[in-house]
């Protein structure tokens, strides 16, 4: 999401907000480039992050979680959709391997829990023969640390 996208959403909500029952907040772009369209486009988004190769993955993940945080802060969506979509093409990636990413992930989870957001659990990953849904187990565990009553809506 770019600042212009967020401003446009704000305008739409100001105009039609009375007809909107709830918001699902999810991030599908980094630096304006889709991360879930196909692998070549994902790689383009990954390489759009200014960094040397050693820190590129962490900077990409940080950009994703910073965009997510801005969305959460500005709009407080009632549902957080596929919280960790940023690892779509690297589903075995563990955020704990990236300290800056881990801190930003925790920040977003705590913020969302504090205002009462629900986290979508998306089972599409099982169709792909993955071991875990979206969000992955590491994210779910962090959610459990900060709240004793995670709400699951099916």
Foldseek 3Di string as FASTA:
>chain_A
DDVVVVVVVVVVCVVCVVVDPFDEDEDQAFPNFGCPPDDVSVVVRLVVFDDDPVCSVVSSLLSRLVVSQVCCVPPVTQEYELLPCNCVVPLVDDCVVHVSNVVSLLVNLLSNVVVNHAYAWAPVVVVVVDPGTRPGPVSVVSNCVNDVDHDYDD
